[in-house]
């Protein structure tokens, strides 16, 4: 599957440096994503908890969950077929 065809969701909150880096990364790669702010949206927080993550930024690509953007950057790049 091509990276542009994958559904990407980023769970964020204001003031989160990892969240800012995740959004910048996907924008730099020109990949569309959905941002879910757990502070502004209680349902987003419930979704994050259901995913089993307490870490921000949590990135979901397709059905794969990556808790912590920087901790999983290489795995995320691999999933997207990026170097």
C-alpha atoms as a PDB file:
ATOM      1  CA  UNK A   1       0.000   0.000   0.000  1.00  0.00           C
ATOM      2  CA  UNK A   2       1.269   3.481  -0.887  1.00  0.00           C
ATOM      3  CA  UNK A   3       1.866   5.895   2.013  1.00  0.00           C
ATOM      4  CA  UNK A   4      -0.673   8.390   0.620  1.00  0.00           C
ATOM      5  CA  UNK A   5      -3.354   5.695   0.773  1.00  0.00           C
ATOM      6  CA  UNK A   6      -2.863   4.956   4.476  1.00  0.00           C
ATOM      7  CA  UNK A   7      -5.127   6.571   7.053  1.00  0.00           C
ATOM      8  CA  UNK A   8      -2.963   8.472   9.542  1.00  0.00           C
ATOM      9  CA  UNK A   9      -4.228   9.779  12.873  1.00  0.00           C
ATOM     10  CA  UNK A  10      -2.177  11.707  15.428  1.00  0.00           C
ATOM     11  CA  UNK A  11      -3.385  12.035  19.028  1.00  0.00           C
ATOM     12  CA  UNK A  12      -2.091  15.330  20.432  1.00  0.00           C
ATOM     13  CA  UNK A  13      -2.459  17.990  23.079  1.00  0.00           C
ATOM     14  CA  UNK A  14      -1.333  21.634  23.223  1.00  0.00           C
ATOM     15  CA  UNK A  15       2.241  22.236  24.361  1.00  0.00           C
ATOM     16  CA  UNK A  16       3.417  18.753  23.374  1.00  0.00           C
ATOM     17  CA  UNK A  17       6.773  18.957  21.583  1.00  0.00           C
ATOM     18  CA  UNK A  18       6.539  15.392  20.275  1.00  0.00           C
ATOM     19  CA  UNK A  19       3.097  16.231  18.854  1.00  0.00           C
ATOM     20  CA  UNK A  20       4.487  19.300  17.075  1.00  0.00           C
ATOM     21  CA  UNK A  21       7.344  17.240  15.602  1.00  0.00           C
ATOM     22  CA  UNK A  22       4.915  14.548  14.412  1.00  0.00           C
ATOM     23  CA  UNK A  23       2.724  17.080  12.614  1.00  0.00           C
ATOM     24  CA  UNK A  24       5.768  18.772  11.050  1.00  0.00           C
ATOM     25  CA  UNK A  25       7.076  15.390   9.861  1.00  0.00           C
ATOM     26  CA  UNK A  26       3.826  14.435   8.100  1.00  0.00           C
ATOM     27  CA  UNK A  27       3.458  17.920   6.605  1.00  0.00           C
ATOM     28  CA  UNK A  28       7.070  17.778   5.352  1.00  0.00           C
ATOM     29  CA  UNK A  29       6.338  14.377   3.771  1.00  0.00           C
ATOM     30  CA  UNK A  30       3.110  15.809   2.299  1.00  0.00           C
ATOM     31  CA  UNK A  31       1.027  13.100   3.936  1.00  0.00           C
ATOM     32  CA  UNK A  32      -2.505  13.895   5.037  1.00  0.00           C
ATOM     33  CA  UNK A  33      -3.388  13.137   8.647  1.00  0.00           C
ATOM     34  CA  UNK A  34      -6.201  13.632  11.108  1.00  0.00           C
ATOM     35  CA  UNK A  35      -5.301  15.354  14.360  1.00  0.00           C
ATOM     36  CA  UNK A  36      -7.236  14.446  17.496  1.00  0.00           C
ATOM     37  CA  UNK A  37      -6.607  16.802  20.405  1.00  0.00           C
ATOM     38  CA  UNK A  38      -7.265  14.839  23.603  1.00  0.00           C
ATOM     39  CA  UNK A  39      -7.504  18.002  25.688  1.00  0.00           C
ATOM     40  CA  UNK A  40     -10.256  19.556  23.554  1.00  0.00           C
ATOM     41  CA  UNK A  41     -12.094  16.335  22.658  1.00  0.00           C
ATOM     42  CA  UNK A  42     -13.054  13.865  25.424  1.00  0.00           C
ATOM     43  CA  UNK A  43     -13.933  11.261  22.788  1.00  0.00           C
ATOM     44  CA  UNK A  44     -10.387  11.456  21.403  1.00  0.00           C
ATOM     45  CA  UNK A  45      -9.030  10.778  24.899  1.00  0.00           C
ATOM     46  CA  UNK A  46     -11.340   7.753  25.200  1.00  0.00           C
ATOM     47  CA  UNK A  47     -10.132   6.488  21.804  1.00  0.00           C
ATOM     48  CA  UNK A  48      -6.502   6.888  22.886  1.00  0.00           C
ATOM     49  CA  UNK A  49      -7.152   4.932  26.086  1.00  0.00           C
ATOM     50  CA  UNK A  50      -8.946   2.222  24.089  1.00  0.00           C
ATOM     51  CA  UNK A  51      -5.826   1.926  21.922  1.00  0.00           C
ATOM     52  CA  UNK A  52      -3.895   1.185  25.112  1.00  0.00           C
ATOM     53  CA  UNK A  53      -1.689   4.260  24.871  1.00  0.00           C
ATOM     54  CA  UNK A  54      -0.975   6.946  27.445  1.00  0.00           C
ATOM     55  CA  UNK A  55       1.798   8.544  25.401  1.00  0.00           C
ATOM     56  CA  UNK A  56       1.643  11.597  23.157  1.00  0.00           C
ATOM     57  CA  UNK A  57       2.038  11.922  20.315  1.00  0.00           C
ATOM     58  CA  UNK A  58       0.464   8.595  19.504  1.00  0.00           C
ATOM     59  CA  UNK A  59       0.392   7.942  15.773  1.00  0.00           C
ATOM     60  CA  UNK A  60      -1.990   5.432  14.206  1.00  0.00           C
ATOM     61  CA  UNK A  61      -1.251   4.331  10.649  1.00  0.00           C
ATOM     62  CA  UNK A  62      -3.888   2.018   9.272  1.00  0.00           C
ATOM     63  CA  UNK A  63      -4.450  -0.375  12.167  1.00  0.00           C
ATOM     64  CA  UNK A  64      -0.960  -0.070  13.661  1.00  0.00           C
ATOM     65  CA  UNK A  65      -0.418   2.048  16.801  1.00  0.00           C
ATOM     66  CA  UNK A  66       2.857   3.888  17.504  1.00  0.00           C
ATOM     67  CA  UNK A  67       2.875   5.346  21.051  1.00  0.00           C
ATOM     68  CA  UNK A  68       5.394   8.182  21.080  1.00  0.00           C
ATOM     69  CA  UNK A  69       6.395   9.716  17.753  1.00  0.00           C
ATOM     70  CA  UNK A  70      10.134  10.128  18.303  1.00  0.00           C
ATOM     71  CA  UNK A  71      10.446   6.726  20.009  1.00  0.00           C
ATOM     72  CA  UNK A  72       8.917   5.094  16.932  1.00  0.00           C
ATOM     73  CA  UNK A  73      10.191   7.318  14.119  1.00  0.00           C
ATOM     74  CA  UNK A  74      12.115   4.539  12.365  1.00  0.00           C
ATOM     75  CA  UNK A  75       9.142   2.151  12.603  1.00  0.00           C
ATOM     76  CA  UNK A  76       6.824   4.880  11.280  1.00  0.00           C
ATOM     77  CA  UNK A  77       9.151   5.585   8.355  1.00  0.00           C
ATOM     78  CA  UNK A  78       9.335   1.853   7.631  1.00  0.00           C
ATOM     79  CA  UNK A  79       5.550   1.521   7.721  1.00  0.00           C
ATOM     80  CA  UNK A  80       5.278   4.411   5.266  1.00  0.00           C
ATOM     81  CA  UNK A  81       8.059   3.117   3.017  1.00  0.00           C
ATOM     82  CA  UNK A  82      10.243   6.163   3.699  1.00  0.00           C
ATOM     83  CA  UNK A  83      13.991   6.312   4.282  1.00  0.00           C
END
